[in-house]
Amino acid sequence: MGASPNNKVGLNALLTPDNCVLILIDHQPFQISGVQNIDPALMINNVVALAKSAKAFNVPTLLTTVIEERGGYLIKQLQDVFPEQKPINRTTINTWEDPRVVEWVKKTGRKKIVMAALWTEICLAFPVIHALGDGYEVYIVTDASGGVSVEAHTVAIQRMVQAGAVPLTSGAFMGELQRDWAREESVPKVAQIMLEHMGAVGTNFAWELQLLGSHNKTLPPGV
């Protein structure tokens, strides 16, 4: 059979370290204070894990805030992943209306954009729908985003999916980039992210290492 014209199926639909970029939008104190669909502490854990995964695989990552002098600076946990990067501070609610952001993506030459934002129904939905209209393939990280209510978050996800966006989670993003455990260079970084951010999975992983009594060279130091 010939290749499917559907760009959401097949090997080329999967994310790789070389075909995507990550944009993290408005993870600031004011926005976090309004998140109601997910425990804010869990959302912060997830977005930091997402950022660390992108860094582990050298995925170009852009941090951006909106009117940081009022809504607060990017949260420290996230800024610490990319300490050298000063977030683009916008006035536009729709990130894709800021030419600096669009130009940054264009310069990467990549057509797959992964986004997470606060709030889902506004600061994620607007740029996702806009970028889709400009011909980009957009993936939305649902557990690293949050809305002002369960309904607001859920309806926004539905709206974006109807527009053509692909939903995924922070853990799925990391697994999709790793893809093959034979890619040993990134395994220690993935293992460390699992231990630090994946809750029960990370705890079970540490337990398994204890039971095995092994210090495999592919694992992070001290594991």
N, C-alpha and C. Protein backbone atom coordinates (compact mmCIF):
# COMPACT_ATOMS: atom_id res chain seq x y z
N MET A 1 0.84 -1.21 0.00
CA MET A 1 0.00 0.00 0.00
C MET A 1 0.87 1.26 0.00
N GLY A 2 0.40 2.33 -0.60
CA GLY A 2 1.15 3.58 -0.64
C GLY A 2 1.08 4.31 0.68
N ALA A 3 1.90 5.30 0.82
CA ALA A 3 1.92 6.09 2.05
C ALA A 3 0.62 6.85 2.21
N SER A 4 0.16 6.95 3.46
CA SER A 4 -1.08 7.67 3.74
C SER A 4 -0.87 9.16 3.62
N PRO A 5 -1.85 9.89 3.04
CA PRO A 5 -1.74 11.35 2.97
C PRO A 5 -1.99 12.01 4.32
N ASN A 6 -2.43 11.22 5.31
CA ASN A 6 -2.72 11.74 6.64
C ASN A 6 -1.43 11.94 7.41
N ASN A 7 -1.09 13.20 7.72
CA ASN A 7 0.17 13.46 8.41
C ASN A 7 0.13 13.14 9.90
N LYS A 8 -0.99 12.58 10.37
CA LYS A 8 -1.11 12.20 11.78
C LYS A 8 -0.90 10.70 12.00
N VAL A 9 -0.58 9.97 10.94
CA VAL A 9 -0.30 8.54 11.08
C VAL A 9 1.00 8.21 10.38
N GLY A 10 1.56 7.06 10.74
CA GLY A 10 2.82 6.66 10.13
C GLY A 10 4.02 7.16 10.91
N LEU A 11 5.18 6.66 10.56
CA LEU A 11 6.40 7.00 11.28
C LEU A 11 6.69 8.50 11.28
N ASN A 12 6.39 9.18 10.18
CA ASN A 12 6.69 10.60 10.08
C ASN A 12 5.81 11.46 10.99
N ALA A 13 4.75 10.86 11.52
CA ALA A 13 3.89 11.61 12.42
C ALA A 13 4.48 11.68 13.83
N LEU A 14 5.46 10.83 14.11
CA LEU A 14 6.06 10.79 15.44
C LEU A 14 7.13 11.88 15.59
N LEU A 15 7.24 12.37 16.80
CA LEU A 15 8.23 13.40 17.10
C LEU A 15 9.61 12.79 17.25
N THR A 16 10.62 13.51 16.79
CA THR A 16 12.01 13.12 16.96
C THR A 16 12.78 14.34 17.46
N PRO A 17 13.97 14.14 18.00
CA PRO A 17 14.76 15.29 18.45
C PRO A 17 15.10 16.25 17.31
N ASP A 18 15.02 15.78 16.07
CA ASP A 18 15.44 16.60 14.93
C ASP A 18 14.30 17.25 14.15
N ASN A 19 13.04 16.93 14.51
CA ASN A 19 11.95 17.45 13.68
C ASN A 19 10.98 18.38 14.40
N CYS A 20 11.24 18.71 15.65
CA CYS A 20 10.26 19.51 16.39
C CYS A 20 10.94 20.60 17.22
N VAL A 21 10.10 21.54 17.66
CA VAL A 21 10.52 22.57 18.62
C VAL A 21 9.50 22.57 19.76
N LEU A 22 9.90 23.15 20.87
CA LEU A 22 9.01 23.25 22.02
C LEU A 22 8.84 24.72 22.39
N ILE A 23 7.58 25.14 22.59
CA ILE A 23 7.29 26.49 23.07
C ILE A 23 6.51 26.37 24.37
N LEU A 24 7.03 26.97 25.42
CA LEU A 24 6.39 26.97 26.74
C LEU A 24 5.90 28.38 27.04
N ILE A 25 4.59 28.49 27.26
CA ILE A 25 3.93 29.78 27.28
C ILE A 25 3.30 30.10 28.64
N ASP A 26 3.78 31.17 29.26
CA ASP A 26 3.12 31.82 30.39
C ASP A 26 2.97 30.95 31.64
N HIS A 27 4.00 30.20 31.97
CA HIS A 27 3.99 29.47 33.24
C HIS A 27 4.48 30.44 34.33
N GLN A 28 3.57 31.33 34.72
CA GLN A 28 3.84 32.43 35.64
C GLN A 28 2.93 32.34 36.86
N PRO A 29 3.29 33.01 37.97
CA PRO A 29 2.51 32.92 39.20
C PRO A 29 1.03 33.26 39.04
N PHE A 30 0.73 34.36 38.36
CA PHE A 30 -0.69 34.74 38.24
C PHE A 30 -1.49 33.65 37.53
N GLN A 31 -0.95 33.15 36.43
CA GLN A 31 -1.67 32.12 35.69
C GLN A 31 -1.80 30.83 36.50
N ILE A 32 -0.75 30.47 37.21
CA ILE A 32 -0.80 29.24 38.01
C ILE A 32 -1.86 29.35 39.10
N SER A 33 -2.03 30.54 39.64
CA SER A 33 -3.01 30.72 40.72
C SER A 33 -4.44 30.46 40.25
N GLY A 34 -4.66 30.53 38.93
CA GLY A 34 -6.00 30.31 38.41
C GLY A 34 -6.26 28.91 37.91
N VAL A 35 -5.25 28.05 37.90
CA VAL A 35 -5.41 26.69 37.36
C VAL A 35 -6.29 25.85 38.29
N GLN A 36 -7.33 25.26 37.71
CA GLN A 36 -8.30 24.50 38.50
C GLN A 36 -8.52 23.07 38.00
N ASN A 37 -8.06 22.74 36.82
CA ASN A 37 -8.35 21.40 36.27
C ASN A 37 -7.34 20.36 36.72
N ILE A 38 -6.21 20.79 37.26
CA ILE A 38 -5.14 19.89 37.68
C ILE A 38 -4.48 20.50 38.90
N ASP A 39 -3.97 19.68 39.78
CA ASP A 39 -3.22 20.18 40.92
C ASP A 39 -2.04 21.00 40.38
N PRO A 40 -1.94 22.28 40.74
CA PRO A 40 -0.86 23.11 40.21
C PRO A 40 0.54 22.52 40.45
N ALA A 41 0.72 21.85 41.60
CA ALA A 41 2.03 21.24 41.88
C ALA A 41 2.33 20.15 40.87
N LEU A 42 1.32 19.38 40.49
CA LEU A 42 1.50 18.32 39.49
C LEU A 42 1.78 18.93 38.12
N MET A 43 1.05 20.00 37.79
CA MET A 43 1.28 20.66 36.50
C MET A 43 2.70 21.20 36.41
N ILE A 44 3.18 21.81 37.49
CA ILE A 44 4.55 22.33 37.51
C ILE A 44 5.55 21.19 37.34
N ASN A 45 5.32 20.09 38.04
CA ASN A 45 6.17 18.92 37.90
C ASN A 45 6.23 18.47 36.44
N ASN A 46 5.08 18.45 35.80
CA ASN A 46 5.00 17.96 34.42
C ASN A 46 5.69 18.89 33.43
N VAL A 47 5.50 20.19 33.60
CA VAL A 47 6.11 21.11 32.63
C VAL A 47 7.62 21.16 32.81
N VAL A 48 8.10 21.00 34.03
CA VAL A 48 9.55 20.95 34.24
C VAL A 48 10.13 19.68 33.63
N ALA A 49 9.41 18.56 33.79
CA ALA A 49 9.85 17.31 33.15
C ALA A 49 9.86 17.46 31.64
N LEU A 50 8.86 18.14 31.10
CA LEU A 50 8.78 18.38 29.66
C LEU A 50 9.99 19.18 29.19
N ALA A 51 10.31 20.24 29.92
CA ALA A 51 11.46 21.08 29.57
C ALA A 51 12.76 20.30 29.65
N LYS A 52 12.90 19.50 30.69
CA LYS A 52 14.12 18.70 30.85
C LYS A 52 14.26 17.68 29.72
N SER A 53 13.14 17.12 29.29
CA SER A 53 13.18 16.16 28.17
C SER A 53 13.66 16.85 26.91
N ALA A 54 13.12 18.04 26.65
CA ALA A 54 13.56 18.78 25.47
C ALA A 54 15.05 19.09 25.54
N LYS A 55 15.51 19.48 26.71
CA LYS A 55 16.93 19.80 26.87
C LYS A 55 17.79 18.55 26.70
N ALA A 56 17.32 17.42 27.23
CA ALA A 56 18.08 16.17 27.15
C ALA A 56 18.32 15.76 25.70
N PHE A 57 17.34 16.06 24.83
CA PHE A 57 17.43 15.66 23.43
C PHE A 57 17.78 16.83 22.50
N ASN A 58 18.17 17.95 23.09
CA ASN A 58 18.57 19.13 22.31
C ASN A 58 17.46 19.62 21.37
N VAL A 59 16.23 19.54 21.82
CA VAL A 59 15.11 20.09 21.06
C VAL A 59 15.08 21.60 21.29
N PRO A 60 15.11 22.42 20.24
CA PRO A 60 15.05 23.87 20.43
C PRO A 60 13.82 24.26 21.25
N THR A 61 14.04 25.04 22.29
CA THR A 61 12.96 25.38 23.22
C THR A 61 12.90 26.88 23.43
N LEU A 62 11.69 27.41 23.36
CA LEU A 62 11.48 28.85 23.57
C LEU A 62 10.60 29.05 24.79
N LEU A 63 11.05 29.93 25.68
CA LEU A 63 10.27 30.32 26.85
C LEU A 63 9.66 31.69 26.58
N THR A 64 8.40 31.87 26.96
CA THR A 64 7.78 33.16 26.74
C THR A 64 6.78 33.46 27.86
N THR A 65 6.67 34.74 28.19
CA THR A 65 5.76 35.21 29.24
C THR A 65 4.91 36.34 28.68
N VAL A 66 3.86 36.68 29.43
CA VAL A 66 3.03 37.81 29.03
C VAL A 66 3.02 38.83 30.18
N ILE A 67 3.43 40.04 29.88
CA ILE A 67 3.47 41.14 30.85
C ILE A 67 4.00 40.65 32.20
N GLU A 68 5.24 40.18 32.19
CA GLU A 68 5.82 39.57 33.39
C GLU A 68 5.89 40.52 34.58
N GLU A 69 5.94 41.83 34.32
CA GLU A 69 6.01 42.79 35.42
C GLU A 69 4.71 42.83 36.23
N ARG A 70 3.65 42.26 35.68
CA ARG A 70 2.38 42.19 36.41
C ARG A 70 2.03 40.75 36.77
N GLY A 71 2.21 39.85 35.83
CA GLY A 71 1.83 38.46 36.08
C GLY A 71 2.91 37.64 36.76
N GLY A 72 4.11 38.23 36.89
CA GLY A 72 5.19 37.51 37.54
C GLY A 72 6.16 36.92 36.54
N TYR A 73 7.39 36.75 36.98
CA TYR A 73 8.40 36.12 36.13
C TYR A 73 8.09 34.64 35.94
N LEU A 74 8.66 34.06 34.91
CA LEU A 74 8.57 32.63 34.70
C LEU A 74 8.96 31.92 35.99
N ILE A 75 8.23 30.85 36.36
CA ILE A 75 8.52 30.17 37.61
C ILE A 75 9.97 29.66 37.63
N LYS A 76 10.57 29.72 38.79
CA LYS A 76 11.99 29.42 38.93
C LYS A 76 12.32 27.99 38.50
N GLN A 77 11.44 27.05 38.84
CA GLN A 77 11.71 25.65 38.51
C GLN A 77 11.92 25.46 37.01
N LEU A 78 11.17 26.21 36.22
CA LEU A 78 11.26 26.12 34.77
C LEU A 78 12.43 26.93 34.23
N GLN A 79 12.60 28.12 34.77
CA GLN A 79 13.72 28.95 34.34
C GLN A 79 15.06 28.27 34.62
N ASP A 80 15.12 27.51 35.70
CA ASP A 80 16.37 26.83 36.07
C ASP A 80 16.78 25.76 35.06
N VAL A 81 15.84 25.27 34.26
CA VAL A 81 16.20 24.29 33.24
C VAL A 81 16.97 24.97 32.11
N PHE A 82 16.61 26.21 31.84
CA PHE A 82 17.29 27.00 30.80
C PHE A 82 17.74 28.33 31.40
N PRO A 83 18.71 28.30 32.32
CA PRO A 83 19.09 29.52 33.04
C PRO A 83 19.65 30.62 32.15
N GLU A 84 20.16 30.24 30.99
CA GLU A 84 20.77 31.23 30.10
C GLU A 84 19.76 31.94 29.22
N GLN A 85 18.52 31.47 29.20
CA GLN A 85 17.51 32.02 28.28
C GLN A 85 16.60 33.03 28.97
N LYS A 86 16.53 34.21 28.42
CA LYS A 86 15.57 35.22 28.90
C LYS A 86 14.28 35.04 28.12
N PRO A 87 13.18 34.71 28.81
CA PRO A 87 11.93 34.52 28.09
C PRO A 87 11.51 35.76 27.29
N ILE A 88 10.90 35.52 26.15
CA ILE A 88 10.31 36.61 25.38
C ILE A 88 9.09 37.11 26.14
N ASN A 89 9.12 38.37 26.54
CA ASN A 89 8.01 38.94 27.30
C ASN A 89 7.08 39.69 26.35
N ARG A 90 5.85 39.18 26.21
CA ARG A 90 4.92 39.70 25.21
C ARG A 90 3.86 40.60 25.84
N THR A 91 3.17 41.31 24.96
CA THR A 91 1.90 41.95 25.34
C THR A 91 0.74 41.21 24.69
N THR A 92 1.01 40.46 23.62
CA THR A 92 -0.06 39.75 22.92
C THR A 92 -0.51 38.54 23.72
N ILE A 93 -1.81 38.38 23.83
CA ILE A 93 -2.36 37.18 24.49
C ILE A 93 -2.10 35.97 23.61
N ASN A 94 -2.23 36.15 22.31
CA ASN A 94 -1.94 35.10 21.35
C ASN A 94 -0.44 35.15 21.03
N THR A 95 0.30 34.18 21.52
CA THR A 95 1.75 34.14 21.33
C THR A 95 2.14 34.19 19.86
N TRP A 96 1.33 33.58 19.00
CA TRP A 96 1.67 33.52 17.58
C TRP A 96 1.51 34.86 16.88
N GLU A 97 0.96 35.85 17.57
CA GLU A 97 0.89 37.20 17.01
C GLU A 97 2.12 38.03 17.34
N ASP A 98 3.03 37.46 18.13
CA ASP A 98 4.29 38.15 18.40
C ASP A 98 5.30 37.72 17.34
N PRO A 99 5.75 38.62 16.49
CA PRO A 99 6.64 38.25 15.38
C PRO A 99 7.95 37.63 15.84
N ARG A 100 8.40 37.93 17.05
CA ARG A 100 9.64 37.35 17.54
C ARG A 100 9.51 35.83 17.70
N VAL A 101 8.35 35.40 18.12
CA VAL A 101 8.11 33.97 18.31
C VAL A 101 8.04 33.27 16.97
N VAL A 102 7.28 33.84 16.05
CA VAL A 102 7.13 33.24 14.72
C VAL A 102 8.48 33.17 14.01
N GLU A 103 9.25 34.23 14.11
CA GLU A 103 10.56 34.26 13.47
C GLU A 103 11.50 33.22 14.07
N TRP A 104 11.43 33.04 15.38
CA TRP A 104 12.26 32.03 16.04
C TRP A 104 11.96 30.65 15.48
N VAL A 105 10.67 30.33 15.34
CA VAL A 105 10.29 29.03 14.79
C VAL A 105 10.77 28.90 13.35
N LYS A 106 10.57 29.92 12.55
CA LYS A 106 10.99 29.87 11.14
C LYS A 106 12.48 29.60 11.01
N LYS A 107 13.28 30.21 11.87
CA LYS A 107 14.73 30.04 11.80
C LYS A 107 15.17 28.61 12.08
N THR A 108 14.36 27.86 12.84
CA THR A 108 14.72 26.47 13.12
C THR A 108 14.51 25.59 11.90
N GLY A 109 13.63 26.01 10.99
CA GLY A 109 13.32 25.22 9.81
C GLY A 109 12.46 24.01 10.09
N ARG A 110 11.90 23.92 11.29
CA ARG A 110 11.11 22.76 11.67
C ARG A 110 9.62 23.07 11.58
N LYS A 111 8.83 22.04 11.24
CA LYS A 111 7.39 22.24 11.00
C LYS A 111 6.51 21.65 12.10
N LYS A 112 7.10 20.93 13.03
CA LYS A 112 6.33 20.36 14.14
C LYS A 112 6.59 21.20 15.39
N ILE A 113 5.52 21.74 15.95
CA ILE A 113 5.62 22.58 17.14
C ILE A 113 4.90 21.91 18.30
N VAL A 114 5.61 21.74 19.40
CA VAL A 114 5.01 21.22 20.62
C VAL A 114 4.78 22.41 21.55
N MET A 115 3.57 22.53 22.09
CA MET A 115 3.25 23.67 22.94
C MET A 115 2.60 23.23 24.24
N ALA A 116 2.89 23.98 25.31
CA ALA A 116 2.17 23.88 26.58
C ALA A 116 2.01 25.30 27.09
N ALA A 117 0.88 25.58 27.75
CA ALA A 117 0.63 26.96 28.15
C ALA A 117 -0.38 27.04 29.28
N LEU A 118 -0.38 28.18 29.92
CA LEU A 118 -1.41 28.58 30.88
C LEU A 118 -2.01 29.89 30.36
N TRP A 119 -3.31 29.95 30.19
CA TRP A 119 -4.28 28.91 30.40
C TRP A 119 -4.59 28.20 29.10
N THR A 120 -5.07 26.97 29.22
CA THR A 120 -5.33 26.13 28.06
C THR A 120 -6.29 26.78 27.08
N GLU A 121 -7.36 27.35 27.62
CA GLU A 121 -8.45 27.84 26.77
C GLU A 121 -8.11 29.14 26.05
N ILE A 122 -7.03 29.80 26.45
CA ILE A 122 -6.67 31.08 25.84
C ILE A 122 -5.25 31.04 25.30
N CYS A 123 -4.30 30.98 26.20
CA CYS A 123 -2.89 31.13 25.81
C CYS A 123 -2.31 29.90 25.14
N LEU A 124 -3.02 28.77 25.20
CA LEU A 124 -2.63 27.62 24.39
C LEU A 124 -3.48 27.56 23.12
N ALA A 125 -4.79 27.67 23.28
CA ALA A 125 -5.69 27.52 22.13
C ALA A 125 -5.43 28.53 21.02
N PHE A 126 -5.22 29.79 21.39
CA PHE A 126 -5.06 30.82 20.36
C PHE A 126 -3.85 30.57 19.45
N PRO A 127 -2.64 30.42 20.02
CA PRO A 127 -1.49 30.20 19.13
C PRO A 127 -1.53 28.86 18.41
N VAL A 128 -2.12 27.85 19.04
CA VAL A 128 -2.22 26.54 18.38
C VAL A 128 -3.07 26.65 17.12
N ILE A 129 -4.24 27.24 17.23
CA ILE A 129 -5.14 27.37 16.09
C ILE A 129 -4.52 28.27 15.01
N HIS A 130 -3.84 29.31 15.45
CA HIS A 130 -3.19 30.24 14.51
C HIS A 130 -2.06 29.54 13.76
N ALA A 131 -1.19 28.83 14.48
CA ALA A 131 -0.05 28.15 13.85
C ALA A 131 -0.51 27.04 12.93
N LEU A 132 -1.57 26.35 13.29
CA LEU A 132 -2.13 25.32 12.40
C LEU A 132 -2.55 25.96 11.08
N GLY A 133 -3.15 27.13 11.17
CA GLY A 133 -3.58 27.83 9.96
C GLY A 133 -2.42 28.27 9.08
N ASP A 134 -1.24 28.40 9.68
CA ASP A 134 -0.05 28.79 8.93
C ASP A 134 0.71 27.58 8.39
N GLY A 135 0.12 26.41 8.55
CA GLY A 135 0.70 25.21 7.95
C GLY A 135 1.61 24.39 8.84
N TYR A 136 1.69 24.72 10.11
CA TYR A 136 2.51 23.94 11.03
C TYR A 136 1.72 22.75 11.60
N GLU A 137 2.44 21.71 11.98
CA GLU A 137 1.84 20.60 12.71
C GLU A 137 2.04 20.89 14.19
N VAL A 138 0.96 20.93 14.95
CA VAL A 138 1.05 21.36 16.34
C VAL A 138 0.63 20.24 17.28
N TYR A 139 1.46 20.01 18.29
CA TYR A 139 1.21 19.01 19.32
C TYR A 139 1.03 19.74 20.65
N ILE A 140 0.01 19.38 21.41
CA ILE A 140 -0.30 20.08 22.66
C ILE A 140 -0.08 19.14 23.85
N VAL A 141 0.66 19.62 24.83
CA VAL A 141 0.97 18.81 26.01
C VAL A 141 -0.05 19.14 27.08
N THR A 142 -1.01 18.25 27.24
CA THR A 142 -2.19 18.55 28.06
C THR A 142 -1.89 18.59 29.55
N ASP A 143 -0.97 17.75 30.03
CA ASP A 143 -0.73 17.72 31.47
C ASP A 143 0.31 18.74 31.92
N ALA A 144 0.86 19.50 30.97
CA ALA A 144 1.77 20.59 31.31
C ALA A 144 1.09 21.93 31.06
N SER A 145 -0.22 21.88 30.82
CA SER A 145 -1.05 23.06 30.60
C SER A 145 -2.18 23.02 31.63
N GLY A 146 -2.88 24.12 31.79
CA GLY A 146 -3.97 24.14 32.74
C GLY A 146 -4.95 25.26 32.45
N GLY A 147 -6.22 25.00 32.79
CA GLY A 147 -7.27 25.99 32.57
C GLY A 147 -7.92 26.42 33.87
N VAL A 148 -8.80 27.39 33.78
CA VAL A 148 -9.42 27.95 34.99
C VAL A 148 -10.54 27.07 35.53
N SER A 149 -10.89 26.02 34.79
CA SER A 149 -11.85 25.02 35.27
C SER A 149 -11.64 23.75 34.47
N VAL A 150 -12.21 22.67 34.96
CA VAL A 150 -12.13 21.41 34.21
C VAL A 150 -12.79 21.58 32.85
N GLU A 151 -13.94 22.25 32.83
CA GLU A 151 -14.65 22.46 31.56
C GLU A 151 -13.83 23.31 30.60
N ALA A 152 -13.25 24.39 31.10
CA ALA A 152 -12.46 25.27 30.24
C ALA A 152 -11.31 24.51 29.59
N HIS A 153 -10.60 23.71 30.37
CA HIS A 153 -9.48 22.93 29.85
C HIS A 153 -9.95 21.89 28.84
N THR A 154 -11.01 21.16 29.21
CA THR A 154 -11.50 20.07 28.36
C THR A 154 -12.03 20.59 27.03
N VAL A 155 -12.84 21.64 27.08
CA VAL A 155 -13.42 22.19 25.86
C VAL A 155 -12.31 22.76 24.96
N ALA A 156 -11.30 23.36 25.57
CA ALA A 156 -10.19 23.90 24.78
C ALA A 156 -9.44 22.78 24.06
N ILE A 157 -9.21 21.67 24.75
CA ILE A 157 -8.54 20.53 24.11
C ILE A 157 -9.37 20.03 22.94
N GLN A 158 -10.69 19.93 23.14
CA GLN A 158 -11.58 19.49 22.07
C GLN A 158 -11.51 20.45 20.88
N ARG A 159 -11.51 21.73 21.17
CA ARG A 159 -11.45 22.73 20.11
C ARG A 159 -10.16 22.60 19.30
N MET A 160 -9.05 22.44 19.99
CA MET A 160 -7.77 22.33 19.29
C MET A 160 -7.65 21.04 18.50
N VAL A 161 -8.15 19.96 19.05
CA VAL A 161 -8.12 18.68 18.32
C VAL A 161 -8.98 18.78 17.06
N GLN A 162 -10.15 19.40 17.17
CA GLN A 162 -11.00 19.60 15.99
C GLN A 162 -10.28 20.42 14.93
N ALA A 163 -9.42 21.34 15.37
CA ALA A 163 -8.68 22.18 14.43
C ALA A 163 -7.49 21.45 13.82
N GLY A 164 -7.12 20.31 14.41
CA GLY A 164 -6.03 19.52 13.85
C GLY A 164 -4.83 19.29 14.75
N ALA A 165 -4.88 19.80 15.99
CA ALA A 165 -3.78 19.60 16.92
C ALA A 165 -3.75 18.17 17.44
N VAL A 166 -2.58 17.73 17.86
CA VAL A 166 -2.39 16.37 18.37
C VAL A 166 -2.08 16.45 19.87
N PRO A 167 -2.93 15.88 20.72
CA PRO A 167 -2.67 15.93 22.16
C PRO A 167 -1.71 14.83 22.60
N LEU A 168 -0.88 15.15 23.58
CA LEU A 168 0.01 14.17 24.20
C LEU A 168 0.35 14.65 25.59
N THR A 169 1.06 13.83 26.35
CA THR A 169 1.44 14.19 27.71
C THR A 169 2.96 14.36 27.78
N SER A 170 3.41 14.88 28.91
CA SER A 170 4.85 15.12 29.07
C SER A 170 5.64 13.82 29.02
N GLY A 171 5.11 12.76 29.61
CA GLY A 171 5.80 11.47 29.57
C GLY A 171 5.84 10.89 28.18
N ALA A 172 4.77 11.06 27.44
CA ALA A 172 4.73 10.56 26.07
C ALA A 172 5.75 11.29 25.20
N PHE A 173 5.91 12.59 25.44
CA PHE A 173 6.90 13.38 24.69
C PHE A 173 8.30 12.81 24.89
N MET A 174 8.64 12.53 26.14
CA MET A 174 9.96 11.98 26.44
C MET A 174 10.15 10.61 25.79
N GLY A 175 9.14 9.75 25.90
CA GLY A 175 9.23 8.42 25.32
C GLY A 175 9.32 8.45 23.81
N GLU A 176 8.63 9.40 23.21
CA GLU A 176 8.63 9.51 21.75
C GLU A 176 9.99 9.95 21.23
N LEU A 177 10.66 10.80 22.00
CA LEU A 177 11.99 11.24 21.60
C LEU A 177 13.03 10.13 21.80
N GLN A 178 12.89 9.37 22.86
CA GLN A 178 13.84 8.28 23.11
C GLN A 178 13.66 7.15 22.10
N ARG A 179 12.43 6.66 22.01
CA ARG A 179 11.98 5.69 21.00
C ARG A 179 12.68 4.34 21.03
N ASP A 180 13.97 4.31 21.28
CA ASP A 180 14.72 3.06 21.19
C ASP A 180 15.76 3.06 22.32
N TRP A 181 15.68 2.03 23.19
CA TRP A 181 16.62 1.98 24.31
C TRP A 181 18.05 1.72 23.86
N ALA A 182 18.22 1.35 22.59
CA ALA A 182 19.57 1.17 22.05
C ALA A 182 20.28 2.52 21.88
N ARG A 183 19.52 3.60 21.92
CA ARG A 183 20.11 4.94 21.86
C ARG A 183 20.64 5.30 23.26
N GLU A 184 21.75 4.68 23.61
CA GLU A 184 22.23 4.69 24.99
C GLU A 184 22.69 6.06 25.47
N GLU A 185 23.05 6.94 24.57
CA GLU A 185 23.58 8.24 24.99
C GLU A 185 22.58 9.03 25.82
N SER A 186 21.29 8.93 25.48
CA SER A 186 20.27 9.71 26.19
C SER A 186 19.62 8.96 27.34
N VAL A 187 19.91 7.67 27.48
CA VAL A 187 19.26 6.87 28.52
C VAL A 187 19.51 7.41 29.93
N PRO A 188 20.73 7.79 30.31
CA PRO A 188 20.92 8.32 31.67
C PRO A 188 20.07 9.54 31.97
N LYS A 189 19.92 10.43 30.99
CA LYS A 189 19.11 11.63 31.19
C LYS A 189 17.63 11.27 31.34
N VAL A 190 17.17 10.34 30.51
CA VAL A 190 15.78 9.90 30.60
C VAL A 190 15.52 9.24 31.95
N ALA A 191 16.45 8.40 32.38
CA ALA A 191 16.31 7.72 33.66
C ALA A 191 16.23 8.73 34.81
N GLN A 192 17.05 9.77 34.74
CA GLN A 192 17.04 10.78 35.79
C GLN A 192 15.73 11.54 35.82
N ILE A 193 15.19 11.88 34.66
CA ILE A 193 13.90 12.57 34.59
C ILE A 193 12.80 11.68 35.16
N MET A 194 12.83 10.39 34.84
CA MET A 194 11.85 9.45 35.38
C MET A 194 11.90 9.42 36.90
N LEU A 195 13.12 9.34 37.45
CA LEU A 195 13.28 9.28 38.90
C LEU A 195 12.79 10.55 39.58
N GLU A 196 13.01 11.69 38.95
CA GLU A 196 12.67 12.97 39.57
C GLU A 196 11.22 13.39 39.39
N HIS A 197 10.60 12.96 38.29
CA HIS A 197 9.30 13.56 37.94
C HIS A 197 8.15 12.58 37.66
N MET A 198 8.42 11.30 37.55
CA MET A 198 7.35 10.41 37.11
C MET A 198 6.67 9.64 38.23
N GLY A 199 6.69 10.20 39.43
CA GLY A 199 5.89 9.67 40.52
C GLY A 199 6.06 8.19 40.77
N ALA A 200 4.95 7.45 40.69
CA ALA A 200 4.97 6.02 40.96
C ALA A 200 5.90 5.29 40.00
N VAL A 201 5.92 5.72 38.74
CA VAL A 201 6.80 5.07 37.76
C VAL A 201 8.26 5.25 38.17
N GLY A 202 8.62 6.45 38.56
CA GLY A 202 9.97 6.71 39.00
C GLY A 202 10.33 5.95 40.26
N THR A 203 9.38 5.88 41.20
CA THR A 203 9.60 5.14 42.43
C THR A 203 9.78 3.65 42.16
N ASN A 204 8.95 3.11 41.29
CA ASN A 204 9.07 1.70 40.93
C ASN A 204 10.38 1.42 40.21
N PHE A 205 10.83 2.38 39.41
CA PHE A 205 12.09 2.24 38.71
C PHE A 205 13.24 2.16 39.72
N ALA A 206 13.21 3.06 40.71
CA ALA A 206 14.25 3.05 41.75
C ALA A 206 14.21 1.74 42.53
N TRP A 207 13.01 1.25 42.79
CA TRP A 207 12.85 -0.02 43.52
C TRP A 207 13.43 -1.18 42.71
N GLU A 208 13.14 -1.16 41.41
CA GLU A 208 13.67 -2.21 40.54
C GLU A 208 15.20 -2.22 40.56
N LEU A 209 15.79 -1.02 40.54
CA LEU A 209 17.24 -0.94 40.59
C LEU A 209 17.77 -1.50 41.91
N GLN A 210 17.03 -1.23 42.98
CA GLN A 210 17.42 -1.76 44.29
C GLN A 210 17.39 -3.28 44.29
N LEU A 211 16.30 -3.84 43.74
CA LEU A 211 16.15 -5.29 43.73
C LEU A 211 17.19 -5.96 42.85
N LEU A 212 17.49 -5.29 41.74
CA LEU A 212 18.50 -5.85 40.84
C LEU A 212 19.90 -5.74 41.43
N GLY A 213 20.08 -4.74 42.29
CA GLY A 213 21.39 -4.53 42.87
C GLY A 213 22.44 -4.21 41.84
N SER A 214 21.98 -3.55 40.76
CA SER A 214 22.87 -3.31 39.62
C SER A 214 23.17 -1.83 39.50
N HIS A 215 24.40 -1.51 39.10
CA HIS A 215 24.78 -0.14 38.79
C HIS A 215 25.18 -0.09 37.31
N ASN A 216 24.18 -0.25 36.49
CA ASN A 216 24.40 -0.25 35.04
C ASN A 216 25.05 1.05 34.61
N LYS A 217 26.03 0.96 33.73
CA LYS A 217 26.76 2.15 33.30
C LYS A 217 25.89 3.13 32.53
N THR A 218 24.72 2.68 32.04
CA THR A 218 23.87 3.58 31.28
C THR A 218 22.99 4.41 32.18
N LEU A 219 23.03 4.15 33.49
CA LEU A 219 22.16 4.88 34.42
C LEU A 219 22.89 6.07 35.02
N PRO A 220 22.12 7.02 35.57
CA PRO A 220 22.74 8.22 36.12
C PRO A 220 23.65 7.89 37.30
N PRO A 221 24.65 8.71 37.56
CA PRO A 221 25.52 8.50 38.71
C PRO A 221 24.74 8.41 40.00
N GLY A 222 25.08 7.47 40.85
CA GLY A 222 24.42 7.35 42.15
C GLY A 222 23.19 6.48 42.14
N VAL A 223 22.72 6.03 40.96
CA VAL A 223 21.54 5.18 40.90
C VAL A 223 21.91 3.74 41.17
